[in-house]
Amino acid sequence: MTKITISVCKVYRNTGRFRFHRKNTKKAWKHYYLEEDEPDEWKFNTEWVDSIKAQFLKLKKRHKRMCICLNCGRIFYAYIKNEREEVNCPICPDDEDE
């Protein structure tokens, strides 16, 4: 199962279902990620992590970006690490020789 890290942030523990946190609660790191449940099906999950693992996961964070294929002109979304990363079109065949 692959995990795509969306966000790692500090949140209050024991906040309950209210907007503001309860008194005398401490902050902890929470990992928000997408997990591949079945092929082409993603499930949103969260987990509590320690501070060392949180710093490591921040480096692996990915961003959802809209991409346009130059060959077929279709628009698709991809999770990329930075803006310089090249993404292959999922619709076009990979072995096009032009």
PDB file of N, CA and C in Angstrom:
ATOM      1  N   MET A   1       0.832  -1.172   0.000  1.00  0.00           N
ATOM      2  CA  MET A   1       0.000   0.000   0.000  1.00  0.00           C
ATOM      3  C   MET A   1       0.883   1.244   0.000  1.00  0.00           C
ATOM      4  N   THR A   2       0.598   2.134  -0.902  1.00  0.00           N
ATOM      5  CA  THR A   2       1.367   3.364  -0.978  1.00  0.00           C
ATOM      6  C   THR A   2       0.661   4.470  -0.204  1.00  0.00           C
ATOM      7  N   LYS A   3       1.478   5.321   0.408  1.00  0.00           N
ATOM      8  CA  LYS A   3       0.958   6.466   1.144  1.00  0.00           C
ATOM      9  C   LYS A   3       1.502   7.737   0.506  1.00  0.00           C
ATOM     10  N   ILE A   4       0.625   8.709   0.295  1.00  0.00           N
ATOM     11  CA  ILE A   4       1.027  10.018  -0.199  1.00  0.00           C
ATOM     12  C   ILE A   4       0.755  11.017   0.913  1.00  0.00           C
ATOM     13  N   THR A   5       1.814  11.633   1.429  1.00  0.00           N
ATOM     14  CA  THR A   5       1.682  12.590   2.524  1.00  0.00           C
ATOM     15  C   THR A   5       1.122  13.897   1.985  1.00  0.00           C
ATOM     16  N   ILE A   6       0.026  14.337   2.578  1.00  0.00           N
ATOM     17  CA  ILE A   6      -0.587  15.602   2.201  1.00  0.00           C
ATOM     18  C   ILE A   6      -0.118  16.715   3.124  1.00  0.00           C
ATOM     19  N   SER A   7      -0.131  16.435   4.430  1.00  0.00           N
ATOM     20  CA  SER A   7       0.232  17.473   5.384  1.00  0.00           C
ATOM     21  C   SER A   7       0.727  16.841   6.673  1.00  0.00           C
ATOM     22  N   VAL A   8       1.599  17.574   7.360  1.00  0.00           N
ATOM     23  CA  VAL A   8       2.053  17.212   8.701  1.00  0.00           C
ATOM     24  C   VAL A   8       1.993  18.502   9.506  1.00  0.00           C
ATOM     25  N   CYS A   9       1.177  18.522  10.545  1.00  0.00           N
ATOM     26  CA  CYS A   9       1.038  19.758  11.306  1.00  0.00           C
ATOM     27  C   CYS A   9       0.793  19.456  12.782  1.00  0.00           C
ATOM     28  N   LYS A  10       0.962  20.503  13.584  1.00  0.00           N
ATOM     29  CA  LYS A  10       0.733  20.378  15.021  1.00  0.00           C
ATOM     30  C   LYS A  10      -0.718  20.689  15.321  1.00  0.00           C
ATOM     31  N   VAL A  11      -1.348  19.823  16.083  1.00  0.00           N
ATOM     32  CA  VAL A  11      -2.742  20.031  16.479  1.00  0.00           C
ATOM     33  C   VAL A  11      -2.872  19.717  17.963  1.00  0.00           C
ATOM     34  N   TYR A  12      -3.934  20.226  18.567  1.00  0.00           N
ATOM     35  CA  TYR A  12      -4.195  19.947  19.969  1.00  0.00           C
ATOM     36  C   TYR A  12      -4.776  18.550  20.124  1.00  0.00           C
ATOM     37  N   ARG A  13      -4.319  17.828  21.116  1.00  0.00           N
ATOM     38  CA  ARG A  13      -4.935  16.548  21.459  1.00  0.00           C
ATOM     39  C   ARG A  13      -6.187  16.816  22.285  1.00  0.00           C
ATOM     40  N   ASN A  14      -7.129  15.921  22.236  1.00  0.00           N
ATOM     41  CA  ASN A  14      -8.355  16.001  23.029  1.00  0.00           C
ATOM     42  C   ASN A  14      -9.126  17.288  22.771  1.00  0.00           C
ATOM     43  N   THR A  15      -9.240  17.669  21.506  1.00  0.00           N
ATOM     44  CA  THR A  15      -9.994  18.876  21.205  1.00  0.00           C
ATOM     45  C   THR A  15     -11.487  18.634  21.279  1.00  0.00           C
ATOM     46  N   GLY A  16     -11.894  17.407  21.152  1.00  0.00           N
ATOM     47  CA  GLY A  16     -13.321  17.124  21.144  1.00  0.00           C
ATOM     48  C   GLY A  16     -13.921  17.508  19.809  1.00  0.00           C
ATOM     49  N   ARG A  17     -15.188  17.766  19.791  1.00  0.00           N
ATOM     50  CA  ARG A  17     -15.840  18.116  18.532  1.00  0.00           C
ATOM     51  C   ARG A  17     -16.088  19.613  18.418  1.00  0.00           C
ATOM     52  N   PHE A  18     -15.491  20.386  19.326  1.00  0.00           N
ATOM     53  CA  PHE A  18     -15.707  21.816  19.331  1.00  0.00           C
ATOM     54  C   PHE A  18     -14.567  22.530  18.610  1.00  0.00           C
ATOM     55  N   ARG A  19     -14.785  23.782  18.296  1.00  0.00           N
ATOM     56  CA  ARG A  19     -13.811  24.550  17.527  1.00  0.00           C
ATOM     57  C   ARG A  19     -12.564  24.852  18.346  1.00  0.00           C
ATOM     58  N   PHE A  20     -12.751  25.211  19.602  1.00  0.00           N
ATOM     59  CA  PHE A  20     -11.626  25.586  20.449  1.00  0.00           C
ATOM     60  C   PHE A  20     -11.179  24.394  21.288  1.00  0.00           C
ATOM     61  N   HIS A  21      -9.891  24.353  21.594  1.00  0.00           N
ATOM     62  CA  HIS A  21      -9.358  23.226  22.351  1.00  0.00           C
ATOM     63  C   HIS A  21      -9.712  23.355  23.832  1.00  0.00           C
ATOM     64  N   ARG A  22      -9.707  22.241  24.507  1.00  0.00           N
ATOM     65  CA  ARG A  22      -9.944  22.228  25.952  1.00  0.00           C
ATOM     66  C   ARG A  22      -8.720  22.761  26.674  1.00  0.00           C
ATOM     67  N   LYS A  23      -8.910  23.225  27.861  1.00  0.00           N
ATOM     68  CA  LYS A  23      -7.791  23.763  28.631  1.00  0.00           C
ATOM     69  C   LYS A  23      -6.859  22.632  29.062  1.00  0.00           C
ATOM     70  N   ASN A  24      -5.589  22.979  29.224  1.00  0.00           N
ATOM     71  CA  ASN A  24      -4.541  22.066  29.673  1.00  0.00           C
ATOM     72  C   ASN A  24      -4.323  20.889  28.720  1.00  0.00           C
ATOM     73  N   THR A  25      -4.509  21.114  27.422  1.00  0.00           N
ATOM     74  CA  THR A  25      -4.191  20.077  26.443  1.00  0.00           C
ATOM     75  C   THR A  25      -2.888  20.452  25.747  1.00  0.00           C
ATOM     76  N   LYS A  26      -2.168  19.456  25.301  1.00  0.00           N
ATOM     77  CA  LYS A  26      -0.877  19.672  24.656  1.00  0.00           C
ATOM     78  C   LYS A  26      -1.002  19.470  23.157  1.00  0.00           C
ATOM     79  N   LYS A  27      -0.079  20.096  22.431  1.00  0.00           N
ATOM     80  CA  LYS A  27      -0.036  19.917  20.984  1.00  0.00           C
ATOM     81  C   LYS A  27       0.796  18.696  20.641  1.00  0.00           C
ATOM     82  N   ALA A  28       0.432  18.063  19.544  1.00  0.00           N
ATOM     83  CA  ALA A  28       1.169  16.904  19.046  1.00  0.00           C
ATOM     84  C   ALA A  28       1.136  16.953  17.525  1.00  0.00           C
ATOM     85  N   TRP A  29       1.995  16.181  16.885  1.00  0.00           N
ATOM     86  CA  TRP A  29       2.085  16.151  15.426  1.00  0.00           C
ATOM     87  C   TRP A  29       1.089  15.151  14.857  1.00  0.00           C
ATOM     88  N   LYS A  30       0.420  15.552  13.792  1.00  0.00           N
ATOM     89  CA  LYS A  30      -0.527  14.681  13.117  1.00  0.00           C
ATOM     90  C   LYS A  30      -0.152  14.589  11.639  1.00  0.00           C
ATOM     91  N   HIS A  31      -0.237  13.384  11.108  1.00  0.00           N
ATOM     92  CA  HIS A  31       0.128  13.083   9.719  1.00  0.00           C
ATOM     93  C   HIS A  31      -1.154  12.828   8.935  1.00  0.00           C
ATOM     94  N   TYR A  32      -1.394  13.641   7.911  1.00  0.00           N
ATOM     95  CA  TYR A  32      -2.541  13.471   7.026  1.00  0.00           C
ATOM     96  C   TYR A  32      -2.030  12.890   5.713  1.00  0.00           C
ATOM     97  N   TYR A  33      -2.632  11.796   5.266  1.00  0.00           N
ATOM     98  CA  TYR A  33      -2.129  11.138   4.061  1.00  0.00           C
ATOM     99  C   TYR A  33      -3.245  10.424   3.311  1.00  0.00           C
ATOM    100  N   LEU A  34      -2.964  10.118   2.041  1.00  0.00           N
ATOM    101  CA  LEU A  34      -3.841   9.303   1.208  1.00  0.00           C
ATOM    102  C   LEU A  34      -3.225   7.922   1.091  1.00  0.00           C
ATOM    103  N   GLU A  35      -4.050   6.906   1.234  1.00  0.00           N
ATOM    104  CA  GLU A  35      -3.573   5.530   1.149  1.00  0.00           C
ATOM    105  C   GLU A  35      -4.338   4.816   0.049  1.00  0.00           C
ATOM    106  N   GLU A  36      -3.606   4.080  -0.778  1.00  0.00           N
ATOM    107  CA  GLU A  36      -4.244   3.361  -1.875  1.00  0.00           C
ATOM    108  C   GLU A  36      -4.930   2.120  -1.320  1.00  0.00           C
ATOM    109  N   ASP A  37      -6.265   2.129  -1.357  1.00  0.00           N
ATOM    110  CA  ASP A  37      -7.056   1.032  -0.830  1.00  0.00           C
ATOM    111  C   ASP A  37      -7.129  -0.097  -1.857  1.00  0.00           C
ATOM    112  N   GLU A  38      -7.538   0.211  -3.041  1.00  0.00           N
ATOM    113  CA  GLU A  38      -7.579  -0.700  -4.183  1.00  0.00           C
ATOM    114  C   GLU A  38      -6.966   0.063  -5.353  1.00  0.00           C
ATOM    115  N   PRO A  39      -6.688  -0.585  -6.455  1.00  0.00           N
ATOM    116  CA  PRO A  39      -6.152   0.161  -7.599  1.00  0.00           C
ATOM    117  C   PRO A  39      -7.094   1.299  -8.003  1.00  0.00           C
ATOM    118  N   ASP A  40      -6.539   2.490  -8.100  1.00  0.00           N
ATOM    119  CA  ASP A  40      -7.269   3.717  -8.470  1.00  0.00           C
ATOM    120  C   ASP A  40      -8.332   4.124  -7.454  1.00  0.00           C
ATOM    121  N   GLU A  41      -8.229   3.674  -6.215  1.00  0.00           N
ATOM    122  CA  GLU A  41      -9.116   4.128  -5.144  1.00  0.00           C
ATOM    123  C   GLU A  41      -8.258   4.573  -3.975  1.00  0.00           C
ATOM    124  N   TRP A  42      -8.462   5.819  -3.543  1.00  0.00           N
ATOM    125  CA  TRP A  42      -7.656   6.388  -2.472  1.00  0.00           C
ATOM    126  C   TRP A  42      -8.530   6.662  -1.259  1.00  0.00           C
ATOM    127  N   LYS A  43      -7.958   6.482  -0.077  1.00  0.00           N
ATOM    128  CA  LYS A  43      -8.671   6.687   1.176  1.00  0.00           C
ATOM    129  C   LYS A  43      -7.884   7.678   2.024  1.00  0.00           C
ATOM    130  N   PHE A  44      -8.571   8.669   2.590  1.00  0.00           N
ATOM    131  CA  PHE A  44      -7.935   9.677   3.426  1.00  0.00           C
ATOM    132  C   PHE A  44      -7.798   9.144   4.847  1.00  0.00           C
ATOM    133  N   ASN A  45      -6.590   9.227   5.425  1.00  0.00           N
ATOM    134  CA  ASN A  45      -6.332   8.738   6.775  1.00  0.00           C
ATOM    135  C   ASN A  45      -5.485   9.743   7.544  1.00  0.00           C
ATOM    136  N   THR A  46      -5.494   9.601   8.873  1.00  0.00           N
ATOM    137  CA  THR A  46      -4.636  10.410   9.742  1.00  0.00           C
ATOM    138  C   THR A  46      -4.005   9.500  10.782  1.00  0.00           C
ATOM    139  N   GLU A  47      -2.880   9.961  11.316  1.00  0.00           N
ATOM    140  CA  GLU A  47      -2.242   9.232  12.404  1.00  0.00           C
ATOM    141  C   GLU A  47      -1.401  10.197  13.227  1.00  0.00           C
ATOM    142  N   TRP A  48      -1.242   9.906  14.511  1.00  0.00           N
ATOM    143  CA  TRP A  48      -0.383  10.682  15.385  1.00  0.00           C
ATOM    144  C   TRP A  48       1.051  10.193  15.200  1.00  0.00           C
ATOM    145  N   VAL A  49       2.000  11.133  15.105  1.00  0.00           N
ATOM    146  CA  VAL A  49       3.405  10.771  14.941  1.00  0.00           C
ATOM    147  C   VAL A  49       4.247  11.559  15.944  1.00  0.00           C
ATOM    148  N   ASP A  50       5.449  11.059  16.203  1.00  0.00           N
ATOM    149  CA  ASP A  50       6.343  11.788  17.102  1.00  0.00           C
ATOM    150  C   ASP A  50       7.061  12.898  16.331  1.00  0.00           C
ATOM    151  N   SER A  51       7.781  13.747  17.028  1.00  0.00           N
ATOM    152  CA  SER A  51       8.355  14.935  16.407  1.00  0.00           C
ATOM    153  C   SER A  51       9.458  14.607  15.406  1.00  0.00           C
ATOM    154  N   ILE A  52      10.217  13.557  15.632  1.00  0.00           N
ATOM    155  CA  ILE A  52      11.291  13.186  14.706  1.00  0.00           C
ATOM    156  C   ILE A  52      10.706  12.673  13.389  1.00  0.00           C
ATOM    157  N   LYS A  53       9.719  11.803  13.479  1.00  0.00           N
ATOM    158  CA  LYS A  53       9.079  11.283  12.273  1.00  0.00           C
ATOM    159  C   LYS A  53       8.333  12.387  11.529  1.00  0.00           C
ATOM    160  N   ALA A  54       7.797  13.361  12.253  1.00  0.00           N
ATOM    161  CA  ALA A  54       7.081  14.465  11.620  1.00  0.00           C
ATOM    162  C   ALA A  54       8.009  15.281  10.735  1.00  0.00           C
ATOM    163  N   GLN A  55       9.225  15.527  11.193  1.00  0.00           N
ATOM    164  CA  GLN A  55      10.181  16.283  10.385  1.00  0.00           C
ATOM    165  C   GLN A  55      10.573  15.504   9.132  1.00  0.00           C
ATOM    166  N   PHE A  56      10.700  14.193   9.248  1.00  0.00           N
ATOM    167  CA  PHE A  56      11.004  13.347   8.095  1.00  0.00           C
ATOM    168  C   PHE A  56       9.846  13.352   7.091  1.00  0.00           C
ATOM    169  N   LEU A  57       8.613  13.278   7.587  1.00  0.00           N
ATOM    170  CA  LEU A  57       7.445  13.247   6.709  1.00  0.00           C
ATOM    171  C   LEU A  57       7.227  14.584   6.009  1.00  0.00           C
ATOM    172  N   LYS A  58       7.652  15.678   6.632  1.00  0.00           N
ATOM    173  CA  LYS A  58       7.535  16.989   5.984  1.00  0.00           C
ATOM    174  C   LYS A  58       8.350  17.044   4.696  1.00  0.00           C
ATOM    175  N   LEU A  59       9.470  16.330   4.673  1.00  0.00           N
ATOM    176  CA  LEU A  59      10.298  16.303   3.476  1.00  0.00           C
ATOM    177  C   LEU A  59       9.654  15.499   2.344  1.00  0.00           C
ATOM    178  N   LYS A  60       8.791  14.560   2.691  1.00  0.00           N
ATOM    179  CA  LYS A  60       8.145  13.703   1.699  1.00  0.00           C
ATOM    180  C   LYS A  60       6.783  14.235   1.251  1.00  0.00           C
ATOM    181  N   LYS A  61       6.391  15.426   1.716  1.00  0.00           N
ATOM    182  CA  LYS A  61       5.074  15.972   1.423  1.00  0.00           C
ATOM    183  C   LYS A  61       4.908  16.235  -0.068  1.00  0.00           C
ATOM    184  N   ARG A  62       3.736  15.941  -0.601  1.00  0.00           N
ATOM    185  CA  ARG A  62       3.440  16.137  -2.017  1.00  0.00           C
ATOM    186  C   ARG A  62       2.282  17.124  -2.162  1.00  0.00           C
ATOM    187  N   HIS A  63       2.232  17.769  -3.335  1.00  0.00           N
ATOM    188  CA  HIS A  63       1.209  18.765  -3.613  1.00  0.00           C
ATOM    189  C   HIS A  63       0.390  18.328  -4.823  1.00  0.00           C
ATOM    190  N   LYS A  64      -0.910  18.561  -4.777  1.00  0.00           N
ATOM    191  CA  LYS A  64      -1.783  18.209  -5.893  1.00  0.00           C
ATOM    192  C   LYS A  64      -1.770  19.372  -6.882  1.00  0.00           C
ATOM    193  N   ARG A  65      -1.377  19.086  -8.118  1.00  0.00           N
ATOM    194  CA  ARG A  65      -1.277  20.113  -9.152  1.00  0.00           C
ATOM    195  C   ARG A  65      -2.026  19.681 -10.415  1.00  0.00           C
ATOM    196  N   MET A  66      -2.556  20.673 -11.116  1.00  0.00           N
ATOM    197  CA  MET A  66      -3.218  20.426 -12.382  1.00  0.00           C
ATOM    198  C   MET A  66      -2.166  20.468 -13.486  1.00  0.00           C
ATOM    199  N   CYS A  67      -2.103  19.429 -14.302  1.00  0.00           N
ATOM    200  CA  CYS A  67      -1.119  19.332 -15.381  1.00  0.00           C
ATOM    201  C   CYS A  67      -1.846  19.239 -16.720  1.00  0.00           C
ATOM    202  N   ILE A  68      -1.205  19.745 -17.757  1.00  0.00           N
ATOM    203  CA  ILE A  68      -1.750  19.689 -19.107  1.00  0.00           C
ATOM    204  C   ILE A  68      -0.762  18.931 -19.985  1.00  0.00           C
ATOM    205  N   CYS A  69      -1.239  17.913 -20.669  1.00  0.00           N
ATOM    206  CA  CYS A  69      -0.394  17.128 -21.571  1.00  0.00           C
ATOM    207  C   CYS A  69      -0.165  17.924 -22.856  1.00  0.00           C
ATOM    208  N   LEU A  70       1.090  18.026 -23.281  1.00  0.00           N
ATOM    209  CA  LEU A  70       1.405  18.774 -24.485  1.00  0.00           C
ATOM    210  C   LEU A  70       1.071  17.996 -25.757  1.00  0.00           C
ATOM    211  N   ASN A  71       1.002  16.670 -25.673  1.00  0.00           N
ATOM    212  CA  ASN A  71       0.698  15.850 -26.846  1.00  0.00           C
ATOM    213  C   ASN A  71      -0.798  15.797 -27.137  1.00  0.00           C
ATOM    214  N   CYS A  72      -1.600  15.438 -26.118  1.00  0.00           N
ATOM    215  CA  CYS A  72      -3.032  15.261 -26.360  1.00  0.00           C
ATOM    216  C   CYS A  72      -3.860  16.457 -25.882  1.00  0.00           C
ATOM    217  N   GLY A  73      -3.288  17.332 -25.069  1.00  0.00           N
ATOM    218  CA  GLY A  73      -3.998  18.524 -24.618  1.00  0.00           C
ATOM    219  C   GLY A  73      -4.989  18.288 -23.495  1.00  0.00           C
ATOM    220  N   ARG A  74      -4.960  17.119 -22.885  1.00  0.00           N
ATOM    221  CA  ARG A  74      -5.897  16.818 -21.801  1.00  0.00           C
ATOM    222  C   ARG A  74      -5.363  17.321 -20.471  1.00  0.00           C
ATOM    223  N   ILE A  75      -6.290  17.592 -19.564  1.00  0.00           N
ATOM    224  CA  ILE A  75      -5.943  18.076 -18.229  1.00  0.00           C
ATOM    225  C   ILE A  75      -6.076  16.910 -17.250  1.00  0.00           C
ATOM    226  N   PHE A  76      -5.076  16.746 -16.389  1.00  0.00           N
ATOM    227  CA  PHE A  76      -5.123  15.717 -15.352  1.00  0.00           C
ATOM    228  C   PHE A  76      -4.450  16.262 -14.107  1.00  0.00           C
ATOM    229  N   TYR A  77      -4.739  15.626 -12.971  1.00  0.00           N
ATOM    230  CA  TYR A  77      -4.167  16.029 -11.688  1.00  0.00           C
ATOM    231  C   TYR A  77      -3.113  15.023 -11.259  1.00  0.00           C
ATOM    232  N   ALA A  78      -2.037  15.533 -10.669  1.00  0.00           N
ATOM    233  CA  ALA A  78      -0.952  14.667 -10.217  1.00  0.00           C
ATOM    234  C   ALA A  78      -0.415  15.200  -8.893  1.00  0.00           C
ATOM    235  N   TYR A  79       0.088  14.291  -8.063  1.00  0.00           N
ATOM    236  CA  TYR A  79       0.746  14.667  -6.813  1.00  0.00           C
ATOM    237  C   TYR A  79       2.241  14.744  -7.078  1.00  0.00           C
ATOM    238  N   ILE A  80       2.798  15.957  -6.967  1.00  0.00           N
ATOM    239  CA  ILE A  80       4.209  16.155  -7.251  1.00  0.00           C
ATOM    240  C   ILE A  80       4.919  16.717  -6.032  1.00  0.00           C
ATOM    241  N   LYS A  81       6.224  16.472  -5.969  1.00  0.00           N
ATOM    242  CA  LYS A  81       7.013  16.928  -4.829  1.00  0.00           C
ATOM    243  C   LYS A  81       7.413  18.389  -4.973  1.00  0.00           C
ATOM    244  N   ASN A  82       7.799  18.796  -6.185  1.00  0.00           N
ATOM    245  CA  ASN A  82       8.141  20.193  -6.432  1.00  0.00           C
ATOM    246  C   ASN A  82       7.739  20.544  -7.862  1.00  0.00           C
ATOM    247  N   GLU A  83       7.849  21.820  -8.185  1.00  0.00           N
ATOM    248  CA  GLU A  83       7.386  22.290  -9.491  1.00  0.00           C
ATOM    249  C   GLU A  83       8.266  21.805 -10.638  1.00  0.00           C
ATOM    250  N   ARG A  84       9.512  21.440 -10.358  1.00  0.00           N
ATOM    251  CA  ARG A  84      10.430  21.000 -11.414  1.00  0.00           C
ATOM    252  C   ARG A  84      10.261  19.535 -11.783  1.00  0.00           C
ATOM    253  N   GLU A  85       9.486  18.796 -11.036  1.00  0.00           N
ATOM    254  CA  GLU A  85       9.295  17.366 -11.305  1.00  0.00           C
ATOM    255  C   GLU A  85       8.459  17.175 -12.570  1.00  0.00           C
ATOM    256  N   GLU A  86       8.920  16.309 -13.457  1.00  0.00           N
ATOM    257  CA  GLU A  86       8.194  16.023 -14.690  1.00  0.00           C
ATOM    258  C   GLU A  86       7.215  14.880 -14.462  1.00  0.00           C
ATOM    259  N   VAL A  87       6.010  15.041 -15.008  1.00  0.00           N
ATOM    260  CA  VAL A  87       4.951  14.062 -14.826  1.00  0.00           C
ATOM    261  C   VAL A  87       4.552  13.525 -16.186  1.00  0.00           C
ATOM    262  N   ASN A  88       4.433  12.215 -16.287  1.00  0.00           N
ATOM    263  CA  ASN A  88       3.979  11.588 -17.534  1.00  0.00           C
ATOM    264  C   ASN A  88       2.461  11.576 -17.567  1.00  0.00           C
ATOM    265  N   CYS A  89       1.925  11.762 -18.751  1.00  0.00           N
ATOM    266  CA  CYS A  89       0.476  11.750 -18.943  1.00  0.00           C
ATOM    267  C   CYS A  89      -0.040  10.315 -18.742  1.00  0.00           C
ATOM    268  N   PRO A  90      -1.083  10.120 -17.919  1.00  0.00           N
ATOM    269  CA  PRO A  90      -1.602   8.762 -17.720  1.00  0.00           C
ATOM    270  C   PRO A  90      -2.432   8.270 -18.901  1.00  0.00           C
ATOM    271  N   ILE A  91      -2.814   9.177 -19.809  1.00  0.00           N
ATOM    272  CA  ILE A  91      -3.672   8.801 -20.935  1.00  0.00           C
ATOM    273  C   ILE A  91      -2.857   8.432 -22.165  1.00  0.00           C
ATOM    274  N   CYS A  92      -1.815   9.231 -22.451  1.00  0.00           N
ATOM    275  CA  CYS A  92      -0.963   8.967 -23.624  1.00  0.00           C
ATOM    276  C   CYS A  92      -0.097   7.744 -23.384  1.00  0.00           C
ATOM    277  N   PRO A  93       0.254   7.000 -24.442  1.00  0.00           N
ATOM    278  CA  PRO A  93       1.182   5.882 -24.276  1.00  0.00           C
ATOM    279  C   PRO A  93       2.572   6.405 -23.922  1.00  0.00           C
ATOM    280  N   ASP A  94       3.293   5.621 -23.125  1.00  0.00           N
ATOM    281  CA  ASP A  94       4.605   6.042 -22.621  1.00  0.00           C
ATOM    282  C   ASP A  94       5.678   6.042 -23.712  1.00  0.00           C
ATOM    283  N   ASP A  95       5.590   5.140 -24.663  1.00  0.00           N
ATOM    284  CA  ASP A  95       6.676   4.975 -25.641  1.00  0.00           C
ATOM    285  C   ASP A  95       6.341   5.657 -26.967  1.00  0.00           C
ATOM    286  N   GLU A  96       6.102   6.952 -26.939  1.00  0.00           N
ATOM    287  CA  GLU A  96       5.881   7.708 -28.175  1.00  0.00           C
ATOM    288  C   GLU A  96       7.224   8.193 -28.689  1.00  0.00           C
ATOM    289  N   ASP A  97       7.518   7.905 -29.935  1.00  0.00           N
ATOM    290  CA  ASP A  97       8.750   8.361 -30.556  1.00  0.00           C
ATOM    291  C   ASP A  97       8.411   9.434 -31.595  1.00  0.00           C
ATOM    292  N   GLU A  98       8.726  10.680 -31.291  1.00  0.00           N
ATOM    293  CA  GLU A  98       8.417  11.765 -32.225  1.00  0.00           C
ATOM    294  C   GLU A  98       9.687  12.449 -32.641  1.00  0.00           C
TER     295      GLU A  98
END
